[in-house]
Amino acid sequence: MAEELFRAARMAMKRAYAPYSQFPVGAALRTDAGAVHAGCNIENASYPEGWCAETTALGQMIMAGGGKVSEIALVAEKMPGIMPCGGCRQRLSEFVTADAKLHLCDMNGILETVPFSSVFPRAFGSESNT
């Protein structure tokens, strides 16, 4: 099943709009209900206005009805084992299950699988506001 997620991320990466950085990235999320949602990075001439692949995938998931994320796969043609940026770690933390897995990939498949909690152990959450 993780290979299916990798393939969805790689397919999404091929659709990236990255004319400025030439750094396409793809992400795919699997919900605890089994649905897969993929996204790519979408750049803009005003760099801060672009979207990371994880953000696009989360948007797809929300538009499809939401859910909790149990697995995430990331792939970038030019950086094997790419990790989510800090902003995406925070965004993902809003939706991941306690045991969510993060699959770090290269163009051929999964290189490493780590618990999401190990890459973002103390996320800022709504409980931080109480």
Protein backbone atom coordinates (compact mmCIF):
# COMPACT_ATOMS: atom_id res chain seq x y z
CA MET A 1 0.00 0.00 0.00
CA ALA A 2 2.86 2.41 0.67
CA GLU A 3 4.09 1.87 -2.91
CA GLU A 4 0.70 3.06 -4.20
CA LEU A 5 1.16 6.24 -2.18
CA PHE A 6 4.66 6.73 -3.61
CA ARG A 7 3.33 6.33 -7.17
CA ALA A 8 0.62 8.91 -6.50
CA ALA A 9 3.21 11.36 -5.15
CA ARG A 10 5.52 10.80 -8.13
CA MET A 11 2.64 11.33 -10.58
CA ALA A 12 1.67 14.54 -8.78
CA MET A 13 5.29 15.75 -8.89
CA LYS A 14 5.20 15.48 -12.68
CA ARG A 15 2.37 18.04 -12.67
CA ALA A 16 4.24 20.58 -10.51
CA TYR A 17 4.31 24.18 -11.61
CA ALA A 18 7.88 25.13 -10.71
CA PRO A 19 9.16 27.53 -13.39
CA TYR A 20 11.20 29.60 -10.92
CA SER A 21 12.96 27.01 -8.77
CA GLN A 22 12.91 24.13 -11.27
CA PHE A 23 12.33 21.99 -8.15
CA PRO A 24 9.17 19.89 -8.59
CA VAL A 25 7.79 18.13 -5.52
CA GLY A 26 4.93 15.67 -5.13
CA ALA A 27 3.05 14.59 -2.03
CA ALA A 28 0.38 11.99 -1.41
CA LEU A 29 -1.68 11.47 1.73
CA ARG A 30 -3.67 8.44 2.77
CA THR A 31 -6.52 8.97 5.19
CA ASP A 32 -7.42 6.53 7.91
CA ALA A 33 -10.43 5.64 5.72
CA GLY A 34 -8.04 4.63 2.90
CA ALA A 35 -8.59 7.54 0.50
CA VAL A 36 -5.51 8.89 -1.32
CA HIS A 37 -5.09 12.59 -2.09
CA ALA A 38 -2.10 13.96 -3.99
CA GLY A 39 -0.67 17.38 -4.67
CA CYS A 40 2.27 19.16 -6.24
CA ASN A 41 4.04 22.40 -5.53
CA ILE A 42 2.62 25.42 -7.33
CA GLU A 43 4.97 28.39 -7.54
CA ASN A 44 4.22 32.03 -8.07
CA ALA A 45 6.47 34.88 -9.13
CA SER A 46 5.93 36.24 -5.62
CA TYR A 47 7.63 33.32 -3.85
CA PRO A 48 5.76 33.46 -0.54
CA GLU A 49 2.49 33.07 -2.42
CA GLY A 50 3.28 29.60 -3.77
CA TRP A 51 2.00 26.32 -2.35
CA CYS A 52 4.00 23.33 -1.23
CA ALA A 53 2.96 19.89 -2.47
CA GLU A 54 1.74 18.91 1.01
CA THR A 55 -0.49 22.00 1.17
CA THR A 56 -2.03 21.14 -2.19
CA ALA A 57 -2.65 17.53 -1.10
CA LEU A 58 -4.26 18.72 2.14
CA GLY A 59 -6.52 21.02 0.12
CA GLN A 60 -7.56 18.09 -2.06
CA MET A 61 -8.30 16.04 1.06
CA ILE A 62 -10.40 18.78 2.65
CA MET A 63 -12.35 19.32 -0.58
CA ALA A 64 -13.07 15.58 -0.73
CA GLY A 65 -14.57 15.59 2.76
CA GLY A 66 -11.57 15.63 5.07
CA GLY A 67 -10.34 12.93 7.38
CA LYS A 68 -7.28 12.03 9.38
CA VAL A 69 -3.95 11.38 7.63
CA SER A 70 -2.36 8.02 8.42
CA GLU A 71 0.43 8.07 5.79
CA ILE A 72 2.33 10.68 3.81
CA ALA A 73 4.70 10.14 0.87
CA LEU A 74 6.99 12.87 -0.47
CA VAL A 75 9.15 12.84 -3.56
CA ALA A 76 11.35 15.45 -5.25
CA GLU A 77 13.25 14.74 -8.42
CA LYS A 78 16.30 16.69 -7.26
CA MET A 79 16.43 15.76 -3.55
CA PRO A 80 16.14 12.13 -2.47
CA GLY A 81 14.48 11.77 0.93
CA ILE A 82 13.03 15.29 0.98
CA MET A 83 11.35 16.26 4.25
CA PRO A 84 8.35 18.57 4.67
CA CYS A 85 9.28 22.19 5.36
CA GLY A 86 8.46 23.62 8.79
CA GLY A 87 5.22 25.20 7.62
CA CYS A 88 4.01 21.94 6.11
CA ARG A 89 4.96 20.02 9.22
CA GLN A 90 2.66 22.36 11.14
CA ARG A 91 -0.11 22.09 8.52
CA LEU A 92 0.11 18.30 8.46
CA SER A 93 0.12 18.12 12.27
CA GLU A 94 -3.46 19.43 12.27
CA PHE A 95 -4.61 16.29 10.44
CA VAL A 96 -2.28 13.35 11.21
CA THR A 97 -3.20 10.38 13.33
CA ALA A 98 -1.04 9.72 16.39
CA ASP A 99 0.76 6.92 14.55
CA ALA A 100 1.01 8.54 11.10
CA LYS A 101 3.92 7.40 8.91
CA LEU A 102 6.06 9.62 6.69
CA HIS A 103 7.58 7.92 3.62
CA LEU A 104 10.70 9.67 2.31
CA CYS A 105 11.24 8.77 -1.34
CA ASP A 106 13.52 9.11 -4.32
CA MET A 107 12.42 8.67 -7.93
CA ASN A 108 12.51 4.87 -7.61
CA GLY A 109 10.59 4.35 -4.40
CA ILE A 110 10.56 4.66 -0.65
CA LEU A 111 13.96 5.21 0.96
CA GLU A 112 12.87 5.43 4.59
CA THR A 113 9.71 5.44 6.67
CA VAL A 114 9.59 7.38 9.92
CA PRO A 115 6.86 8.27 12.39
CA PHE A 116 5.52 11.75 11.64
CA SER A 117 5.78 12.49 15.36
CA SER A 118 9.57 12.09 15.13
CA VAL A 119 9.90 14.96 12.64
CA PHE A 120 7.48 17.28 14.45
CA PRO A 121 7.25 16.15 18.08
CA ARG A 122 5.78 19.26 19.69
CA ALA A 123 3.41 20.78 17.20
CA PHE A 124 1.58 23.95 18.08
CA GLY A 125 -2.08 22.93 18.32
CA SER A 126 -5.44 24.19 19.40
CA GLU A 127 -4.79 22.78 22.88
CA SER A 128 -1.88 25.25 23.10
CA ASN A 129 -4.42 28.09 23.10
CA THR A 130 -6.28 26.96 26.19
